[in-house]
Amino acid sequence: MQLPFSAEQFFGVFRAYNAAVWPAQWLLNALAVTALAAAIVGRPGAGRVTSAILALLASWTGVVYHVIHFSPINPLAYAFAAIAVGGALAMAWHGVVHDRLVFRLRRDARTVTGVLLVGFALVVYPAWSIAIGHRYPELPTFGLPCPTTLFTIGMLAFLQRPYPRSVVVAPLAWSLVGAQAAFLLGVTPDLALLVAAAAAIVFLVRNGNAHDRLDHQRIPGLR
């Protein structure tokens, strides 16, 4: 596959982005930890908090990264931005406006998957990037699409079933697109996006058992 930009241009976007938004990277990491803490605590309104943060992160990647910084070297950035903003709107609509998203950690395989993906996005991803030679400011910091998508899919693993499948679509789409960077640009931490994509497909397909569907009938508007 022929890319419309070189590897140097690609990492140059990271440099320009990091320089322009500093120190927002710290705030974005703090928001991610807040979203995780809200899901762990699980108090009333926690779903809205987590959903609002995930919507904000998706909007950030769409507008600040794709539109402002990535579009000068790749016209497809506008399509990528539309996917990200669409995902943000779905998250805000279902999770914030209608409070339909309940994030809960349980003792099951989905929660283990979520914890691993969240931990990878926040800790392993930047460490791996540094280990393969990507130093700041060309380091792919949290808030950029790939680590943010890994974090988002990890958080979606905590959703209590059933949930609106539309919130999974955008992160799944980007995980499939972003994984190409691992092969075409040597960003090997993005290989984790293939694992995240597989998990997101499971989240789309396995979205409730008989007991869940009974609960679903008691919550008007959920699909």
C-alpha atoms as a PDB file:
ATOM      1  CA  MET A   1       0.000   0.000   0.000  1.00  0.00           C
ATOM      2  CA  GLN A   2       1.391   3.407  -1.034  1.00  0.00           C
ATOM      3  CA  LEU A   3       1.006   6.150   1.565  1.00  0.00           C
ATOM      4  CA  PRO A   4       0.607   9.819   0.489  1.00  0.00           C
ATOM      5  CA  PHE A   5       3.358  10.834   2.946  1.00  0.00           C
ATOM      6  CA  SER A   6       6.773   9.663   4.095  1.00  0.00           C
ATOM      7  CA  ALA A   7       7.732   8.295   7.492  1.00  0.00           C
ATOM      8  CA  GLU A   8       9.644  11.521   8.158  1.00  0.00           C
ATOM      9  CA  GLN A   9       6.533  13.589   7.427  1.00  0.00           C
ATOM     10  CA  PHE A  10       4.457  11.300   9.641  1.00  0.00           C
ATOM     11  CA  PHE A  11       6.732  11.684  12.657  1.00  0.00           C
ATOM     12  CA  GLY A  12       7.094  15.350  11.830  1.00  0.00           C
ATOM     13  CA  VAL A  13       3.363  15.681  12.490  1.00  0.00           C
ATOM     14  CA  PHE A  14       3.917  14.180  15.945  1.00  0.00           C
ATOM     15  CA  ARG A  15       6.644  16.722  16.620  1.00  0.00           C
ATOM     16  CA  ALA A  16       4.476  19.634  15.525  1.00  0.00           C
ATOM     17  CA  TYR A  17       1.453  18.327  17.426  1.00  0.00           C
ATOM     18  CA  ASN A  18       3.333  17.770  20.695  1.00  0.00           C
ATOM     19  CA  ALA A  19       4.945  21.184  20.521  1.00  0.00           C
ATOM     20  CA  ALA A  20       1.628  22.891  19.799  1.00  0.00           C
ATOM     21  CA  VAL A  21      -0.499  21.262  22.508  1.00  0.00           C
ATOM     22  CA  TRP A  22       2.019  21.033  25.362  1.00  0.00           C
ATOM     23  CA  PRO A  23       1.225  20.569  28.280  1.00  0.00           C
ATOM     24  CA  ALA A  24      -2.205  19.206  27.301  1.00  0.00           C
ATOM     25  CA  GLN A  25      -0.744  15.682  27.171  1.00  0.00           C
ATOM     26  CA  TRP A  26      -0.635  15.642  30.973  1.00  0.00           C
ATOM     27  CA  LEU A  27      -4.259  16.752  31.187  1.00  0.00           C
ATOM     28  CA  LEU A  28      -5.346  14.064  28.729  1.00  0.00           C
ATOM     29  CA  ASN A  29      -3.587  11.396  30.795  1.00  0.00           C
ATOM     30  CA  ALA A  30      -5.237  12.766  33.939  1.00  0.00           C
ATOM     31  CA  LEU A  31      -8.648  12.592  32.247  1.00  0.00           C
ATOM     32  CA  ALA A  32      -7.994   8.971  31.269  1.00  0.00           C
ATOM     33  CA  VAL A  33      -7.135   8.064  34.863  1.00  0.00           C
ATOM     34  CA  THR A  34     -10.281   9.896  36.017  1.00  0.00           C
ATOM     35  CA  ALA A  35     -12.427   7.905  33.576  1.00  0.00           C
ATOM     36  CA  LEU A  36     -10.905   4.660  34.846  1.00  0.00           C
ATOM     37  CA  ALA A  37     -11.370   5.696  38.487  1.00  0.00           C
ATOM     38  CA  ALA A  38     -15.021   6.555  37.847  1.00  0.00           C
ATOM     39  CA  ALA A  39     -15.587   3.113  36.328  1.00  0.00           C
ATOM     40  CA  ILE A  40     -13.883   1.418  39.281  1.00  0.00           C
ATOM     41  CA  VAL A  41     -15.814   3.361  41.923  1.00  0.00           C
ATOM     42  CA  GLY A  42     -19.108   3.026  40.063  1.00  0.00           C
ATOM     43  CA  ARG A  43     -21.036   5.681  41.960  1.00  0.00           C
ATOM     44  CA  PRO A  44     -24.229   7.290  40.590  1.00  0.00           C
ATOM     45  CA  GLY A  45     -23.308   9.471  37.645  1.00  0.00           C
ATOM     46  CA  ALA A  46     -20.009   7.648  37.077  1.00  0.00           C
ATOM     47  CA  GLY A  47     -21.166   6.400  33.682  1.00  0.00           C
ATOM     48  CA  ARG A  48     -21.781   9.954  32.558  1.00  0.00           C
ATOM     49  CA  VAL A  49     -18.327  11.029  33.736  1.00  0.00           C
ATOM     50  CA  THR A  50     -16.570   8.185  31.936  1.00  0.00           C
ATOM     51  CA  SER A  51     -18.671   8.659  28.801  1.00  0.00           C
ATOM     52  CA  ALA A  52     -18.009  12.407  28.745  1.00  0.00           C
ATOM     53  CA  ILE A  53     -14.257  11.859  28.986  1.00  0.00           C
ATOM     54  CA  LEU A  54     -14.255   9.206  26.253  1.00  0.00           C
ATOM     55  CA  ALA A  55     -16.296  11.547  24.030  1.00  0.00           C
ATOM     56  CA  LEU A  56     -13.849  14.376  24.715  1.00  0.00           C
ATOM     57  CA  LEU A  57     -10.843  12.177  23.885  1.00  0.00           C
ATOM     58  CA  ALA A  58     -12.433  11.080  20.609  1.00  0.00           C
ATOM     59  CA  SER A  59     -13.241  14.691  19.694  1.00  0.00           C
ATOM     60  CA  TRP A  60      -9.672  15.702  20.501  1.00  0.00           C
ATOM     61  CA  THR A  61      -8.191  13.098  18.177  1.00  0.00           C
ATOM     62  CA  GLY A  62     -10.630  14.035  15.445  1.00  0.00           C
ATOM     63  CA  VAL A  63     -10.271  17.796  15.530  1.00  0.00           C
ATOM     64  CA  VAL A  64      -6.911  18.613  17.126  1.00  0.00           C
ATOM     65  CA  TYR A  65      -4.906  15.799  15.584  1.00  0.00           C
ATOM     66  CA  HIS A  66      -6.594  14.786  12.337  1.00  0.00           C
ATOM     67  CA  VAL A  67      -8.015  18.098  11.129  1.00  0.00           C
ATOM     68  CA  ILE A  68      -5.414  20.538  12.410  1.00  0.00           C
ATOM     69  CA  HIS A  69      -2.199  18.523  12.219  1.00  0.00           C
ATOM     70  CA  PHE A  70      -2.604  15.424  10.041  1.00  0.00           C
ATOM     71  CA  SER A  71      -4.704  16.822   7.176  1.00  0.00           C
ATOM     72  CA  PRO A  72      -1.824  18.854   5.633  1.00  0.00           C
ATOM     73  CA  ILE A  73      -0.056  15.612   4.672  1.00  0.00           C
ATOM     74  CA  ASN A  74      -3.035  13.288   4.252  1.00  0.00           C
ATOM     75  CA  PRO A  75      -6.406  14.336   2.778  1.00  0.00           C
ATOM     76  CA  LEU A  76      -7.988  11.196   4.270  1.00  0.00           C
ATOM     77  CA  ALA A  77      -7.510  12.836   7.665  1.00  0.00           C
ATOM     78  CA  TYR A  78     -10.883  14.522   7.223  1.00  0.00           C
ATOM     79  CA  ALA A  79     -12.562  11.125   6.866  1.00  0.00           C
ATOM     80  CA  PHE A  80     -10.686   9.880   9.921  1.00  0.00           C
ATOM     81  CA  ALA A  81     -11.837  12.974  11.801  1.00  0.00           C
ATOM     82  CA  ALA A  82     -15.437  12.266  10.820  1.00  0.00           C
ATOM     83  CA  ILE A  83     -15.140   8.743  12.242  1.00  0.00           C
ATOM     84  CA  ALA A  84     -13.675  10.056  15.496  1.00  0.00           C
ATOM     85  CA  VAL A  85     -16.260  12.820  15.922  1.00  0.00           C
ATOM     86  CA  GLY A  86     -19.053  10.394  15.024  1.00  0.00           C
ATOM     87  CA  GLY A  87     -17.821   8.090  17.762  1.00  0.00           C
ATOM     88  CA  ALA A  88     -17.696  11.012  20.180  1.00  0.00           C
ATOM     89  CA  LEU A  89     -21.283  11.958  19.362  1.00  0.00           C
ATOM     90  CA  ALA A  90     -22.475   8.373  19.860  1.00  0.00           C
ATOM     91  CA  MET A  91     -20.694   8.218  23.210  1.00  0.00           C
ATOM     92  CA  ALA A  92     -22.091  11.572  24.325  1.00  0.00           C
ATOM     93  CA  TRP A  93     -25.619  10.763  23.166  1.00  0.00           C
ATOM     94  CA  HIS A  94     -25.892   7.375  24.827  1.00  0.00           C
ATOM     95  CA  GLY A  95     -23.590   7.893  27.801  1.00  0.00           C
ATOM     96  CA  VAL A  96     -24.041  11.536  28.764  1.00  0.00           C
ATOM     97  CA  VAL A  97     -27.430  12.675  27.463  1.00  0.00           C
ATOM     98  CA  HIS A  98     -29.342   9.440  28.111  1.00  0.00           C
ATOM     99  CA  ASP A  99     -27.072   7.842  30.768  1.00  0.00           C
ATOM    100  CA  ARG A 100     -27.332   4.427  29.107  1.00  0.00           C
ATOM    101  CA  LEU A 101     -23.719   3.340  29.603  1.00  0.00           C
ATOM    102  CA  VAL A 102     -22.744   1.609  32.821  1.00  0.00           C
ATOM    103  CA  PHE A 103     -19.050   0.838  33.283  1.00  0.00           C
ATOM    104  CA  ARG A 104     -18.349  -1.874  35.831  1.00  0.00           C
ATOM    105  CA  LEU A 105     -15.299  -4.020  36.530  1.00  0.00           C
ATOM    106  CA  ARG A 106     -16.085  -7.667  37.172  1.00  0.00           C
ATOM    107  CA  ARG A 107     -14.189 -10.883  37.614  1.00  0.00           C
ATOM    108  CA  ASP A 108     -14.446 -12.045  34.029  1.00  0.00           C
ATOM    109  CA  ALA A 109     -12.439 -12.250  30.823  1.00  0.00           C
ATOM    110  CA  ARG A 110     -13.829  -8.982  29.457  1.00  0.00           C
ATOM    111  CA  THR A 111     -12.609  -7.050  32.485  1.00  0.00           C
ATOM    112  CA  VAL A 112      -9.169  -8.672  32.255  1.00  0.00           C
ATOM    113  CA  THR A 113      -9.036  -7.680  28.574  1.00  0.00           C
ATOM    114  CA  GLY A 114     -10.039  -4.137  29.458  1.00  0.00           C
ATOM    115  CA  VAL A 115      -7.446  -3.790  32.200  1.00  0.00           C
ATOM    116  CA  LEU A 116      -4.712  -5.079  29.886  1.00  0.00           C
ATOM    117  CA  LEU A 117      -5.667  -2.687  27.082  1.00  0.00           C
ATOM    118  CA  VAL A 118      -5.949   0.313  29.398  1.00  0.00           C
ATOM    119  CA  GLY A 119      -2.624  -0.504  31.019  1.00  0.00           C
ATOM    120  CA  PHE A 120      -1.025  -0.982  27.620  1.00  0.00           C
ATOM    121  CA  ALA A 121      -2.332   2.367  26.347  1.00  0.00           C
ATOM    122  CA  LEU A 122      -1.197   4.383  29.364  1.00  0.00           C
ATOM    123  CA  VAL A 123       2.042   2.619  30.344  1.00  0.00           C
ATOM    124  CA  VAL A 124       3.335   0.040  27.876  1.00  0.00           C
ATOM    125  CA  TYR A 125       2.644   1.996  24.683  1.00  0.00           C
ATOM    126  CA  PRO A 126       4.803   5.022  25.562  1.00  0.00           C
ATOM    127  CA  ALA A 127       7.504   2.817  27.109  1.00  0.00           C
ATOM    128  CA  TRP A 128       7.633   0.609  24.019  1.00  0.00           C
ATOM    129  CA  SER A 129       7.735   3.668  21.752  1.00  0.00           C
ATOM    130  CA  ILE A 130      10.704   5.076  23.662  1.00  0.00           C
ATOM    131  CA  ALA A 131      12.435   1.672  23.575  1.00  0.00           C
ATOM    132  CA  ILE A 132      12.294   1.565  19.771  1.00  0.00           C
ATOM    133  CA  GLY A 133      13.769   5.054  19.493  1.00  0.00           C
ATOM    134  CA  HIS A 134      10.851   7.484  19.464  1.00  0.00           C
ATOM    135  CA  ARG A 135      11.824  10.238  21.854  1.00  0.00           C
ATOM    136  CA  TYR A 136       9.781  13.301  22.681  1.00  0.00           C
ATOM    137  CA  PRO A 137       8.647  15.372  20.791  1.00  0.00           C
ATOM    138  CA  GLU A 138       8.110  12.730  18.078  1.00  0.00           C
ATOM    139  CA  LEU A 139       6.800  10.323  20.723  1.00  0.00           C
ATOM    140  CA  PRO A 140       3.183   9.260  20.023  1.00  0.00           C
ATOM    141  CA  THR A 141       1.734  10.632  23.258  1.00  0.00           C
ATOM    142  CA  PHE A 142      -1.636   9.817  24.757  1.00  0.00           C
ATOM    143  CA  GLY A 143      -4.287  11.843  22.964  1.00  0.00           C
ATOM    144  CA  LEU A 144      -3.037  10.722  19.565  1.00  0.00           C
ATOM    145  CA  PRO A 145      -5.413   8.290  17.823  1.00  0.00           C
ATOM    146  CA  CYS A 146      -3.705   4.920  18.375  1.00  0.00           C
ATOM    147  CA  PRO A 147      -3.019   4.948  22.138  1.00  0.00           C
ATOM    148  CA  THR A 148      -6.360   6.700  22.692  1.00  0.00           C
ATOM    149  CA  THR A 149      -8.198   4.032  20.699  1.00  0.00           C
ATOM    150  CA  LEU A 150      -6.512   1.279  22.715  1.00  0.00           C
ATOM    151  CA  PHE A 151      -7.622   3.011  25.901  1.00  0.00           C
ATOM    152  CA  THR A 152     -11.176   3.502  24.611  1.00  0.00           C
ATOM    153  CA  ILE A 153     -11.661  -0.122  23.602  1.00  0.00           C
ATOM    154  CA  GLY A 154     -10.226  -1.150  26.954  1.00  0.00           C
ATOM    155  CA  MET A 155     -12.821   1.008  28.707  1.00  0.00           C
ATOM    156  CA  LEU A 156     -15.602  -0.404  26.519  1.00  0.00           C
ATOM    157  CA  ALA A 157     -14.716  -3.830  27.896  1.00  0.00           C
ATOM    158  CA  PHE A 158     -16.152  -2.648  31.221  1.00  0.00           C
ATOM    159  CA  LEU A 159     -19.579  -1.813  29.781  1.00  0.00           C
ATOM    160  CA  GLN A 160     -22.444  -3.609  31.447  1.00  0.00           C
ATOM    161  CA  ARG A 161     -24.421  -5.488  28.835  1.00  0.00           C
ATOM    162  CA  PRO A 162     -26.530  -4.807  26.903  1.00  0.00           C
ATOM    163  CA  TYR A 163     -25.285  -1.513  25.511  1.00  0.00           C
ATOM    164  CA  PRO A 164     -25.745   0.433  22.255  1.00  0.00           C
ATOM    165  CA  ARG A 165     -23.384  -1.129  19.722  1.00  0.00           C
ATOM    166  CA  SER A 166     -22.870   2.218  18.014  1.00  0.00           C
ATOM    167  CA  VAL A 167     -20.332   3.254  20.672  1.00  0.00           C
ATOM    168  CA  VAL A 168     -18.044   0.415  19.554  1.00  0.00           C
ATOM    169  CA  VAL A 169     -18.089   1.131  15.809  1.00  0.00           C
ATOM    170  CA  ALA A 170     -15.726   4.129  15.609  1.00  0.00           C
ATOM    171  CA  PRO A 171     -12.987   2.690  17.880  1.00  0.00           C
ATOM    172  CA  LEU A 172     -13.163  -0.581  15.946  1.00  0.00           C
ATOM    173  CA  ALA A 173     -12.851   1.251  12.627  1.00  0.00           C
ATOM    174  CA  TRP A 174      -9.811   3.215  13.739  1.00  0.00           C
ATOM    175  CA  SER A 175      -8.127   0.172  15.276  1.00  0.00           C
ATOM    176  CA  LEU A 176      -8.221  -1.457  11.832  1.00  0.00           C
ATOM    177  CA  VAL A 177      -6.946   1.685  10.100  1.00  0.00           C
ATOM    178  CA  GLY A 178      -4.325   2.584  12.690  1.00  0.00           C
ATOM    179  CA  ALA A 179      -2.840  -0.915  12.825  1.00  0.00           C
ATOM    180  CA  GLN A 180      -1.402  -0.306   9.355  1.00  0.00           C
ATOM    181  CA  ALA A 181       1.185   2.026  10.913  1.00  0.00           C
ATOM    182  CA  ALA A 182       2.796  -0.997  12.533  1.00  0.00           C
ATOM    183  CA  PHE A 183       3.561  -2.496   9.120  1.00  0.00           C
ATOM    184  CA  LEU A 184       3.992   0.552   6.901  1.00  0.00           C
ATOM    185  CA  LEU A 185       5.724   2.975   9.261  1.00  0.00           C
ATOM    186  CA  GLY A 186       7.390   0.729  11.824  1.00  0.00           C
ATOM    187  CA  VAL A 187       5.243   1.856  14.766  1.00  0.00           C
ATOM    188  CA  THR A 188       5.304  -1.613  16.323  1.00  0.00           C
ATOM    189  CA  PRO A 189       3.276  -0.701  19.466  1.00  0.00           C
ATOM    190  CA  ASP A 190       0.332  -0.264  17.088  1.00  0.00           C
ATOM    191  CA  LEU A 191       0.279  -4.051  16.647  1.00  0.00           C
ATOM    192  CA  ALA A 192      -1.814  -4.017  19.824  1.00  0.00           C
ATOM    193  CA  LEU A 193      -4.579  -2.421  17.774  1.00  0.00           C
ATOM    194  CA  LEU A 194      -5.151  -5.798  16.105  1.00  0.00           C
ATOM    195  CA  VAL A 195      -5.819  -7.300  19.531  1.00  0.00           C
ATOM    196  CA  ALA A 196      -8.079  -4.359  20.360  1.00  0.00           C
ATOM    197  CA  ALA A 197      -9.953  -4.820  17.078  1.00  0.00           C
ATOM    198  CA  ALA A 198     -10.562  -8.486  17.851  1.00  0.00           C
ATOM    199  CA  ALA A 199     -11.867  -7.510  21.283  1.00  0.00           C
ATOM    200  CA  ALA A 200     -14.128  -4.823  19.794  1.00  0.00           C
ATOM    201  CA  ILE A 201     -15.610  -7.344  17.357  1.00  0.00           C
ATOM    202  CA  VAL A 202     -16.430  -9.587  20.307  1.00  0.00           C
ATOM    203  CA  PHE A 203     -18.060  -6.612  22.050  1.00  0.00           C
ATOM    204  CA  LEU A 204     -20.229  -6.053  18.972  1.00  0.00           C
ATOM    205  CA  VAL A 205     -21.250  -9.683  18.574  1.00  0.00           C
ATOM    206  CA  ARG A 206     -21.589 -10.764  22.207  1.00  0.00           C
ATOM    207  CA  ASN A 207     -23.731  -8.069  23.708  1.00  0.00           C
ATOM    208  CA  GLY A 208     -26.009  -9.773  26.173  1.00  0.00           C
ATOM    209  CA  ASN A 209     -27.348 -13.101  27.319  1.00  0.00           C
ATOM    210  CA  ALA A 210     -30.940 -13.984  28.164  1.00  0.00           C
ATOM    211  CA  HIS A 211     -30.745 -12.300  31.582  1.00  0.00           C
ATOM    212  CA  ASP A 212     -29.223  -9.175  30.029  1.00  0.00           C
ATOM    213  CA  ARG A 213     -31.956  -9.006  27.427  1.00  0.00           C
ATOM    214  CA  LEU A 214     -34.577  -9.120  30.180  1.00  0.00           C
ATOM    215  CA  ASP A 215     -32.898  -6.149  31.847  1.00  0.00           C
ATOM    216  CA  HIS A 216     -32.672  -4.455  28.462  1.00  0.00           C
ATOM    217  CA  GLN A 217     -36.449  -4.549  28.096  1.00  0.00           C
ATOM    218  CA  ARG A 218     -36.726  -2.543  31.290  1.00  0.00           C
ATOM    219  CA  ILE A 219     -34.548   0.288  29.949  1.00  0.00           C
ATOM    220  CA  PRO A 220     -36.481   2.133  27.237  1.00  0.00           C
ATOM    221  CA  GLY A 221     -34.470   3.324  24.267  1.00  0.00           C
ATOM    222  CA  LEU A 222     -31.544   0.899  24.497  1.00  0.00           C
ATOM    223  CA  ARG A 223     -30.666  -0.891  21.260  1.00  0.00           C
END
